């Protein structure tokens, strides 16, 4: 018998309501003990008093009982909705533990829901990511996965590979019989179509990762070009030190800011130039690393200063950027123009004033983020899922070679590897170790 587990399901801090969740065979018995009630009606909100181990009143709370199997975990669940703040919730938690419940491990509620067949791993991961979603578009994508879109793709693909394996077994067992000649051709077509679909999904998943995790936007440029002023402008506060001394920013500064319906990670980098001391060299190195990690790069040039060797260095860097969104921005448009922009025209630069007006830059960023969200391709939401479909693709390509040579036994062997890899996204075979690792990354109460 699984032990009865308990956890506070709401975030720490002061709030109107805190929720304590109890799941397991003893849930109803424990709820009766701390509420002093003899009868609790399933799916009925009971306004009740709750008492500690010494029968002292803890709080007046809402108590709801979900009878198995009609609950999130598939077990008996009782939820207590008490007044917010950690003191009351913690006392209810400690009282339930004193009466025999056990503190839940991270993700243990979702793990039990999976083990009891209430959700598969695609839905479990969608639940975890939904809590972390950094945009409205991400919430929509994850809602589709909760609905079962990814599971449907896996089931359909798995069925196609099983059919191909079955055809192969038939051809092995009845090699001397009259078998339709187009079977081999159809198998190859189905596998090629699946590989193409996988490639599209993986590409879309990498491209849209920022919708869930938050897009990383790096501001780069030579020293004293206005990067820190632009960061402060986005945040509407003095987060970074601004001065006329070149090299004031020695390290990268990261802050979250909302643009439209998206929460992004804005990164102010150290000015890129030939550094004069060891500390500045480290800052420049981190700036270059930020470019590699960013989804969007804002390259800042100073309109009030003539184009120089340091600008040339930035130009060389952005010329190498191909897989990221690049926005070339000409800052200090409110000052006298001295910069020759001939070399920058190919980037369609936009004029801004970091201190006064950069609404066109915000609009361009929002248009880009929204365009990523409009992609209708299915999305994989974790490294585990991407690794699984990549292994599936590799196994399919390995299976094709013996198939073309007529070595059907080897074809079937590799295709079984592909089926196993793809199936692991929704229900892995070596479940216990994988489940402990995956659900252990969930928050408490989920």
Protein backbone atom coordinates (compact mmCIF):
# COMPACT_ATOMS: atom_id res chain seq x y z
CA UNK A 1 0.00 0.00 0.00
CA UNK A 2 1.32 3.47 -0.90
CA UNK A 3 1.62 5.84 2.04
CA UNK A 4 -0.67 8.85 2.31
CA UNK A 5 1.20 11.98 1.26
CA UNK A 6 0.63 15.65 2.02
CA UNK A 7 2.04 18.96 0.78
CA UNK A 8 1.26 22.65 0.58
CA UNK A 9 0.22 23.16 -3.05
CA UNK A 10 0.42 26.96 -3.18
CA UNK A 11 3.50 29.17 -3.41
CA UNK A 12 5.19 30.54 -0.30
CA UNK A 13 4.22 34.01 0.86
CA UNK A 14 1.22 36.05 1.94
CA UNK A 15 -2.00 35.36 0.01
CA UNK A 16 -5.75 35.18 0.46
CA UNK A 17 -5.82 31.37 0.37
CA UNK A 18 -3.37 28.53 0.89
CA UNK A 19 -4.12 24.98 -0.29
CA UNK A 20 -2.94 21.80 1.43
CA UNK A 21 -3.31 18.63 -0.62
CA UNK A 22 -3.60 15.13 0.88
CA UNK A 23 -3.55 11.95 -1.25
CA UNK A 24 -3.69 8.26 -0.38
CA UNK A 25 -5.75 5.56 1.27
CA UNK A 26 -5.85 7.32 4.68
CA UNK A 27 -6.85 10.72 3.31
CA UNK A 28 -10.52 10.51 4.28
CA UNK A 29 -9.75 9.15 7.75
CA UNK A 30 -7.24 11.94 8.44
CA UNK A 31 -9.66 14.58 7.15
CA UNK A 32 -12.33 13.32 9.56
CA UNK A 33 -9.87 13.42 12.46
CA UNK A 34 -8.74 17.04 12.02
CA UNK A 35 -12.22 18.33 11.07
CA UNK A 36 -14.11 16.38 13.79
CA UNK A 37 -16.63 15.34 11.11
CA UNK A 38 -18.15 11.88 10.85
CA UNK A 39 -19.36 12.27 7.25
CA UNK A 40 -17.68 14.03 4.33
CA UNK A 41 -19.54 14.12 1.01
CA UNK A 42 -17.39 13.65 -2.11
CA UNK A 43 -17.02 16.75 -4.33
CA UNK A 44 -18.82 18.94 -1.83
CA UNK A 45 -17.21 22.09 -0.42
CA UNK A 46 -17.46 21.80 3.36
CA UNK A 47 -16.91 24.93 5.45
CA UNK A 48 -15.40 23.39 8.54
CA UNK A 49 -13.17 23.97 11.55
CA UNK A 50 -9.77 22.28 11.60
CA UNK A 51 -8.03 21.21 14.83
CA UNK A 52 -4.43 20.36 15.71
CA UNK A 53 -3.15 17.31 17.63
CA UNK A 54 -4.11 18.96 20.94
CA UNK A 55 -7.64 19.68 19.61
CA UNK A 56 -6.97 23.41 19.53
CA UNK A 57 -8.63 25.32 16.68
CA UNK A 58 -6.30 26.01 13.75
CA UNK A 59 -8.64 27.71 11.26
CA UNK A 60 -12.05 27.75 9.60
CA UNK A 61 -11.42 26.36 6.09
CA UNK A 62 -12.99 24.85 2.97
CA UNK A 63 -12.50 21.07 2.73
CA UNK A 64 -13.17 19.09 -0.48
CA UNK A 65 -12.97 15.30 -0.77
CA UNK A 66 -12.32 13.62 -4.15
CA UNK A 67 -13.06 9.89 -3.97
CA UNK A 68 -10.87 7.52 -5.96
CA UNK A 69 -10.60 6.96 -8.87
CA UNK A 70 -12.20 10.32 -9.70
CA UNK A 71 -9.28 12.50 -8.63
CA UNK A 72 -6.05 13.87 -10.05
CA UNK A 73 -3.92 11.05 -8.62
CA UNK A 74 -6.56 8.32 -8.94
CA UNK A 75 -6.41 7.95 -5.14
CA UNK A 76 -8.55 9.50 -2.42
CA UNK A 77 -7.65 13.19 -2.27
CA UNK A 78 -8.66 15.82 0.27
CA UNK A 79 -7.86 19.49 -0.27
CA UNK A 80 -7.96 22.07 2.50
CA UNK A 81 -8.34 25.72 1.49
CA UNK A 82 -7.34 27.78 4.50
CA UNK A 83 -6.56 31.45 5.06
CA UNK A 84 -3.34 32.51 3.35
CA UNK A 85 0.08 32.82 4.91
CA UNK A 86 2.51 30.08 5.86
CA UNK A 87 1.71 29.83 9.57
CA UNK A 88 -1.80 28.35 9.24
CA UNK A 89 -0.92 26.16 6.26
CA UNK A 90 2.18 24.87 8.00
CA UNK A 91 0.23 23.99 11.15
CA UNK A 92 -2.34 22.02 9.13
CA UNK A 93 0.51 20.25 7.36
CA UNK A 94 2.25 19.36 10.62
CA UNK A 95 -1.02 18.15 12.15
CA UNK A 96 -1.66 15.78 9.22
CA UNK A 97 1.92 14.46 9.47
CA UNK A 98 1.46 13.93 13.22
CA UNK A 99 -1.63 11.83 12.48
CA UNK A 100 0.28 9.58 10.05
CA UNK A 101 0.65 11.31 6.67
CA UNK A 102 4.06 11.65 5.01
CA UNK A 103 5.49 14.79 3.40
CA UNK A 104 5.26 14.42 -0.37
CA UNK A 105 8.40 14.39 -2.47
CA UNK A 106 8.69 16.90 -5.32
CA UNK A 107 6.35 15.82 -8.14
CA UNK A 108 4.97 12.85 -6.20
CA UNK A 109 1.32 13.77 -6.79
CA UNK A 110 1.89 13.85 -10.57
CA UNK A 111 3.95 10.66 -10.37
CA UNK A 112 1.04 8.85 -8.68
CA UNK A 113 -1.34 10.23 -11.32
CA UNK A 114 0.92 8.70 -13.98
CA UNK A 115 1.28 5.35 -12.20
CA UNK A 116 -2.49 5.16 -11.75
CA UNK A 117 -3.12 5.84 -15.44
CA UNK A 118 -4.64 9.30 -14.97
CA UNK A 119 -2.04 11.05 -17.13
CA UNK A 120 0.84 10.03 -19.41
CA UNK A 121 4.29 11.62 -19.39
CA UNK A 122 3.42 14.12 -22.12
CA UNK A 123 0.67 15.55 -19.92
CA UNK A 124 2.81 15.36 -16.79
CA UNK A 125 5.56 17.42 -18.38
CA UNK A 126 3.01 19.86 -19.80
CA UNK A 127 1.66 20.43 -16.27
CA UNK A 128 5.16 21.19 -14.97
CA UNK A 129 5.99 23.55 -17.84
CA UNK A 130 2.62 25.31 -17.66
CA UNK A 131 3.59 26.61 -14.22
CA UNK A 132 6.80 28.06 -15.71
CA UNK A 133 5.31 29.41 -18.98
CA UNK A 134 6.68 32.84 -19.94
CA UNK A 135 4.03 33.80 -22.53
CA UNK A 136 0.38 33.42 -23.46
CA UNK A 137 1.47 31.50 -26.58
CA UNK A 138 3.34 29.02 -24.37
CA UNK A 139 0.22 28.46 -22.29
CA UNK A 140 -1.73 27.70 -25.49
CA UNK A 141 0.92 25.23 -26.69
CA UNK A 142 0.97 23.45 -23.33
CA UNK A 143 -2.84 23.35 -23.24
CA UNK A 144 -2.72 21.47 -26.57
CA UNK A 145 -0.30 18.99 -25.06
CA UNK A 146 -2.57 18.55 -22.04
CA UNK A 147 -5.37 17.89 -24.52
CA UNK A 148 -3.28 15.10 -26.04
CA UNK A 149 -1.84 16.47 -29.31
CA UNK A 150 1.69 15.13 -28.68
CA UNK A 151 0.35 11.79 -27.45
CA UNK A 152 -1.72 11.50 -30.65
CA UNK A 153 1.39 12.08 -32.78
CA UNK A 154 3.33 9.45 -30.82
CA UNK A 155 0.51 6.91 -31.04
CA UNK A 156 0.07 7.45 -34.79
CA UNK A 157 3.82 7.26 -35.47
CA UNK A 158 4.21 4.19 -33.31
CA UNK A 159 1.33 2.52 -35.14
CA UNK A 160 2.96 3.27 -38.51
CA UNK A 161 6.26 1.73 -37.37
CA UNK A 162 4.49 -1.30 -35.94
CA UNK A 163 2.77 -1.80 -39.29
CA UNK A 164 6.12 -1.59 -41.05
CA UNK A 165 7.56 -4.16 -38.65
CA UNK A 166 4.56 -6.44 -39.23
CA UNK A 167 5.01 -6.19 -43.02
CA UNK A 168 8.68 -7.07 -42.58
CA UNK A 169 7.84 -10.14 -40.48
CA UNK A 170 5.33 -11.29 -43.08
CA UNK A 171 7.94 -10.96 -45.83
CA UNK A 172 10.43 -12.95 -43.73
CA UNK A 173 7.94 -15.75 -42.93
CA UNK A 174 6.40 -15.97 -46.41
CA UNK A 175 9.36 -15.15 -48.63
CA UNK A 176 8.32 -17.68 -51.25
CA UNK A 177 4.69 -16.55 -51.41
CA UNK A 178 3.23 -13.92 -53.73
CA UNK A 179 3.50 -10.70 -51.73
CA UNK A 180 2.53 -7.35 -53.27
CA UNK A 181 5.65 -5.71 -54.74
CA UNK A 182 4.73 -2.23 -53.50
CA UNK A 183 5.00 -3.15 -49.79
CA UNK A 184 8.70 -2.23 -49.60
CA UNK A 185 8.05 1.05 -51.41
CA UNK A 186 5.20 1.95 -49.04
CA UNK A 187 7.32 1.21 -45.97
CA UNK A 188 10.10 3.50 -47.21
CA UNK A 189 7.59 6.27 -47.97
CA UNK A 190 6.08 6.03 -44.49
CA UNK A 191 9.48 6.09 -42.79
CA UNK A 192 10.71 9.01 -44.92
CA UNK A 193 7.57 10.96 -44.07
CA UNK A 194 8.07 10.27 -40.36
CA UNK A 195 11.72 11.39 -40.47
CA UNK A 196 10.69 14.61 -42.21
CA UNK A 197 7.97 15.21 -39.59
CA UNK A 198 10.45 14.64 -36.76
CA UNK A 199 12.93 17.10 -38.29
CA UNK A 200 10.22 19.77 -38.55
CA UNK A 201 9.10 19.21 -34.95
CA UNK A 202 12.65 19.37 -33.56
CA UNK A 203 13.40 22.53 -35.55
CA UNK A 204 10.18 24.19 -34.37
CA UNK A 205 10.85 23.12 -30.78
CA UNK A 206 14.29 24.73 -30.71
CA UNK A 207 12.95 27.88 -32.37
CA UNK A 208 10.03 28.24 -29.94
CA UNK A 209 11.81 27.25 -26.72
CA UNK A 210 11.81 30.88 -25.61
CA UNK A 211 8.00 30.88 -25.47
CA UNK A 212 8.18 28.61 -22.43
CA UNK A 213 11.53 29.49 -20.89
CA UNK A 214 11.57 33.17 -21.85
CA UNK A 215 13.44 34.59 -24.85
CA UNK A 216 17.00 35.75 -24.17
CA UNK A 217 17.73 39.16 -25.71
CA UNK A 218 21.37 40.31 -25.67
CA UNK A 219 22.26 43.99 -26.14
CA UNK A 220 25.75 44.28 -27.66
CA UNK A 221 27.95 47.11 -28.88
CA UNK A 222 31.18 48.90 -28.26
CA UNK A 223 31.73 50.69 -24.90
CA UNK A 224 29.64 53.76 -24.10
CA UNK A 225 27.20 53.18 -26.95
CA UNK A 226 24.12 53.24 -24.68
CA UNK A 227 23.53 49.58 -23.81
CA UNK A 228 22.97 50.21 -20.10
CA UNK A 229 20.74 53.20 -20.85
CA UNK A 230 18.62 50.98 -23.08
CA UNK A 231 18.36 48.32 -20.34
CA UNK A 232 17.30 50.98 -17.84
CA UNK A 233 14.78 52.31 -20.34
CA UNK A 234 13.18 48.86 -20.77
CA UNK A 235 12.98 48.41 -17.00
CA UNK A 236 11.86 52.00 -16.33
CA UNK A 237 14.40 52.18 -13.48
CA UNK A 238 18.11 52.75 -12.94
CA UNK A 239 19.25 49.10 -12.86
CA UNK A 240 22.64 49.55 -14.56
CA UNK A 241 25.21 52.24 -13.84
CA UNK A 242 25.42 54.76 -16.68
CA UNK A 243 28.42 57.06 -17.14
CA UNK A 244 30.48 58.66 -19.89
CA UNK A 245 33.47 56.52 -18.87
CA UNK A 246 33.96 53.74 -21.44
CA UNK A 247 33.96 50.25 -19.90
CA UNK A 248 31.72 51.09 -16.92
CA UNK A 249 29.81 47.82 -17.40
CA UNK A 250 32.32 45.05 -16.66
CA UNK A 251 29.92 42.09 -16.47
CA UNK A 252 26.65 40.97 -18.01
CA UNK A 253 23.50 42.15 -16.24
CA UNK A 254 20.27 40.16 -16.68
CA UNK A 255 16.73 41.31 -15.91
CA UNK A 256 13.24 40.09 -16.79
CA UNK A 257 10.89 42.43 -18.61
CA UNK A 258 7.49 41.98 -20.23
CA UNK A 259 6.99 42.80 -23.92
CA UNK A 260 3.43 42.30 -25.11
CA UNK A 261 2.36 38.89 -23.82
CA UNK A 262 5.94 37.64 -23.43
CA UNK A 263 8.36 37.70 -20.50
CA UNK A 264 11.91 38.01 -21.83
CA UNK A 265 15.38 37.89 -20.31
CA UNK A 266 17.16 41.14 -21.23
CA UNK A 267 20.98 40.96 -21.06
CA UNK A 268 23.15 44.07 -20.90
CA UNK A 269 26.67 43.08 -21.92
CA UNK A 270 30.07 44.63 -21.36
CA UNK A 271 31.31 46.81 -24.22
CA UNK A 272 33.13 44.71 -26.82
CA UNK A 273 36.63 46.00 -27.61
CA UNK A 274 40.28 45.12 -27.08
CA UNK A 275 40.18 45.01 -23.28
CA UNK A 276 42.77 46.93 -21.28
CA UNK A 277 42.79 44.80 -18.11
CA UNK A 278 42.04 41.24 -16.98
CA UNK A 279 38.64 42.05 -15.44
CA UNK A 280 37.41 43.79 -18.59
CA UNK A 281 38.67 40.85 -20.67
CA UNK A 282 36.44 38.53 -18.64
CA UNK A 283 33.48 40.87 -19.23
CA UNK A 284 34.11 40.92 -23.00
CA UNK A 285 34.38 37.12 -23.02
CA UNK A 286 31.01 36.84 -21.26
CA UNK A 287 29.51 39.28 -23.76
CA UNK A 288 30.56 36.99 -26.62
CA UNK A 289 29.09 34.00 -24.77
CA UNK A 290 25.81 35.90 -24.33
CA UNK A 291 25.58 36.31 -28.11
CA UNK A 292 25.82 32.53 -28.55
CA UNK A 293 23.12 31.86 -25.95
CA UNK A 294 20.71 34.62 -27.04
CA UNK A 295 17.58 34.16 -29.14
CA UNK A 296 17.67 37.81 -30.22
CA UNK A 297 20.68 40.11 -30.56
CA UNK A 298 20.27 43.89 -30.47
CA UNK A 299 23.43 45.41 -31.98
CA UNK A 300 23.75 49.02 -30.86
CA UNK A 301 25.67 51.71 -32.79
CA UNK A 302 26.15 55.34 -31.74
CA UNK A 303 24.84 57.86 -34.29
CA UNK A 304 26.63 60.72 -32.54
CA UNK A 305 30.12 59.25 -33.09
CA UNK A 306 32.03 58.41 -36.26
CA UNK A 307 32.35 54.79 -37.39
CA UNK A 308 35.60 53.38 -35.94
CA UNK A 309 37.56 50.16 -35.45
CA UNK A 310 35.41 49.15 -32.47
CA UNK A 311 32.27 49.50 -34.63
CA UNK A 312 34.04 47.42 -37.27
CA UNK A 313 34.54 44.67 -34.67
CA UNK A 314 30.80 44.67 -33.88
CA UNK A 315 30.04 44.58 -37.62
CA UNK A 316 32.27 41.49 -38.02
CA UNK A 317 30.41 39.78 -35.14
CA UNK A 318 26.92 40.44 -36.48
CA UNK A 319 27.94 39.41 -40.00
CA UNK A 320 28.42 35.90 -38.55
CA UNK A 321 24.96 35.80 -36.95
CA UNK A 322 22.63 33.70 -39.10
CA UNK A 323 20.41 31.54 -36.90
CA UNK A 324 19.28 34.30 -34.52
CA UNK A 325 17.04 37.30 -34.88
CA UNK A 326 19.31 40.32 -35.34
CA UNK A 327 18.12 43.90 -34.82
CA UNK A 328 20.64 46.59 -35.73
CA UNK A 329 19.82 49.74 -33.78
CA UNK A 330 21.22 53.24 -34.19
CA UNK A 331 21.18 54.93 -30.80
CA UNK A 332 21.31 58.61 -29.76
CA UNK A 333 19.11 59.69 -32.65
CA UNK A 334 18.31 62.86 -30.66
CA UNK A 335 21.92 64.06 -31.01
CA UNK A 336 23.86 65.39 -33.98
CA UNK A 337 24.41 62.61 -36.53
CA UNK A 338 28.06 61.74 -37.25
CA UNK A 339 27.94 58.00 -37.94
CA UNK A 340 28.17 56.83 -41.57
CA UNK A 341 25.61 54.03 -41.88
CA UNK A 342 26.59 52.83 -45.36
CA UNK A 343 27.99 49.52 -44.04
CA UNK A 344 24.87 48.95 -41.91
CA UNK A 345 22.17 49.54 -44.55
CA UNK A 346 21.93 45.82 -45.41
CA UNK A 347 20.63 45.19 -41.86
CA UNK A 348 17.73 47.68 -42.19
CA UNK A 349 18.71 49.52 -38.99
CA UNK A 350 16.21 51.42 -36.87
CA UNK A 351 16.79 54.71 -35.09
CA UNK A 352 16.22 54.97 -31.33
CA UNK A 353 17.04 57.14 -28.36
CA UNK A 354 17.69 54.85 -25.40
CA UNK A 355 16.92 57.67 -22.98
CA UNK A 356 13.88 59.16 -24.76
CA UNK A 357 12.16 56.97 -27.37
CA UNK A 358 12.66 53.33 -28.39
CA UNK A 359 9.05 52.30 -29.08
CA UNK A 360 9.96 51.12 -32.62
CA UNK A 361 12.44 48.67 -31.12
CA UNK A 362 9.81 47.33 -28.71
CA UNK A 363 7.34 46.94 -31.59
CA UNK A 364 9.90 45.01 -33.66
CA UNK A 365 10.64 42.68 -30.76
CA UNK A 366 6.94 42.07 -30.12
CA UNK A 367 6.29 41.30 -33.80
CA UNK A 368 9.12 38.75 -33.78
CA UNK A 369 7.97 37.05 -30.56
CA UNK A 370 4.37 36.89 -31.81
CA UNK A 371 5.48 35.37 -35.13
CA UNK A 372 7.22 32.53 -33.26
CA UNK A 373 4.03 31.89 -31.30
CA UNK A 374 1.93 31.60 -34.47
CA UNK A 375 3.85 28.54 -35.71
CA UNK A 376 1.34 25.67 -35.80
CA UNK A 377 3.94 22.87 -35.79
CA UNK A 378 3.83 20.45 -32.86
CA UNK A 379 6.32 21.32 -30.11
CA UNK A 380 8.49 19.25 -27.81
CA UNK A 381 8.77 20.95 -24.42
CA UNK A 382 11.75 19.26 -22.78
CA UNK A 383 15.26 18.06 -23.58
CA UNK A 384 14.08 14.53 -22.76
CA UNK A 385 11.41 14.65 -25.46
CA UNK A 386 13.80 16.10 -28.05
CA UNK A 387 16.43 13.44 -27.28
CA UNK A 388 13.80 10.71 -27.66
CA UNK A 389 12.64 11.82 -31.12
CA UNK A 390 16.26 12.32 -32.21
CA UNK A 391 17.01 8.71 -31.21
CA UNK A 392 13.87 7.65 -33.06
CA UNK A 393 15.07 9.39 -36.22
CA UNK A 394 18.56 7.82 -35.94
CA UNK A 395 17.10 4.35 -35.45
CA UNK A 396 14.80 4.79 -38.48
CA UNK A 397 17.73 5.86 -40.69
CA UNK A 398 19.74 2.87 -39.43
CA UNK A 399 16.78 0.61 -40.23
CA UNK A 400 16.45 1.88 -43.80
CA UNK A 401 19.89 0.66 -44.88
CA UNK A 402 19.30 -3.08 -44.23
CA UNK A 403 15.76 -2.69 -45.61
CA UNK A 404 17.13 -1.48 -48.95
CA UNK A 405 19.56 -4.44 -48.96
CA UNK A 406 16.74 -6.85 -48.22
CA UNK A 407 18.10 -7.70 -44.73
CA UNK A 408 14.70 -7.69 -43.06
CA UNK A 409 15.79 -9.14 -39.72
CA UNK A 410 18.18 -6.22 -39.14
CA UNK A 411 15.53 -3.80 -40.36
CA UNK A 412 13.06 -5.08 -37.76
CA UNK A 413 15.71 -4.91 -35.02
CA UNK A 414 16.50 -1.23 -35.64
CA UNK A 415 12.85 -0.31 -36.06
CA UNK A 416 12.09 -1.81 -32.65
CA UNK A 417 14.70 0.60 -31.25
CA UNK A 418 12.84 3.46 -32.93
CA UNK A 419 9.52 2.33 -31.46
CA UNK A 420 11.04 2.05 -27.97
CA UNK A 421 12.62 5.52 -28.20
CA UNK A 422 9.42 7.20 -29.38
CA UNK A 423 7.23 5.38 -26.86
CA UNK A 424 9.46 6.60 -24.03
CA UNK A 425 8.02 10.11 -24.47
CA UNK A 426 4.63 9.02 -23.17
CA UNK A 427 5.33 5.80 -21.25
CA UNK A 428 8.92 4.53 -20.91
CA UNK A 429 9.61 0.85 -20.33
CA UNK A 430 12.40 1.24 -17.73
CA UNK A 431 10.01 3.41 -15.81
CA UNK A 432 11.09 3.60 -12.16
CA UNK A 433 14.53 5.21 -12.52
CA UNK A 434 13.36 7.59 -15.28
CA UNK A 435 10.21 8.54 -13.36
CA UNK A 436 12.09 9.34 -10.16
CA UNK A 437 14.48 11.59 -12.09
CA UNK A 438 11.77 13.36 -14.10
CA UNK A 439 9.14 13.87 -11.38
CA UNK A 440 11.84 14.90 -8.92
CA UNK A 441 12.14 18.17 -10.87
CA UNK A 442 8.52 19.10 -10.12
CA UNK A 443 7.55 21.50 -7.38
CA UNK A 444 6.00 20.32 -4.12
CA UNK A 445 2.24 19.79 -4.20
CA UNK A 446 2.20 18.74 -7.87
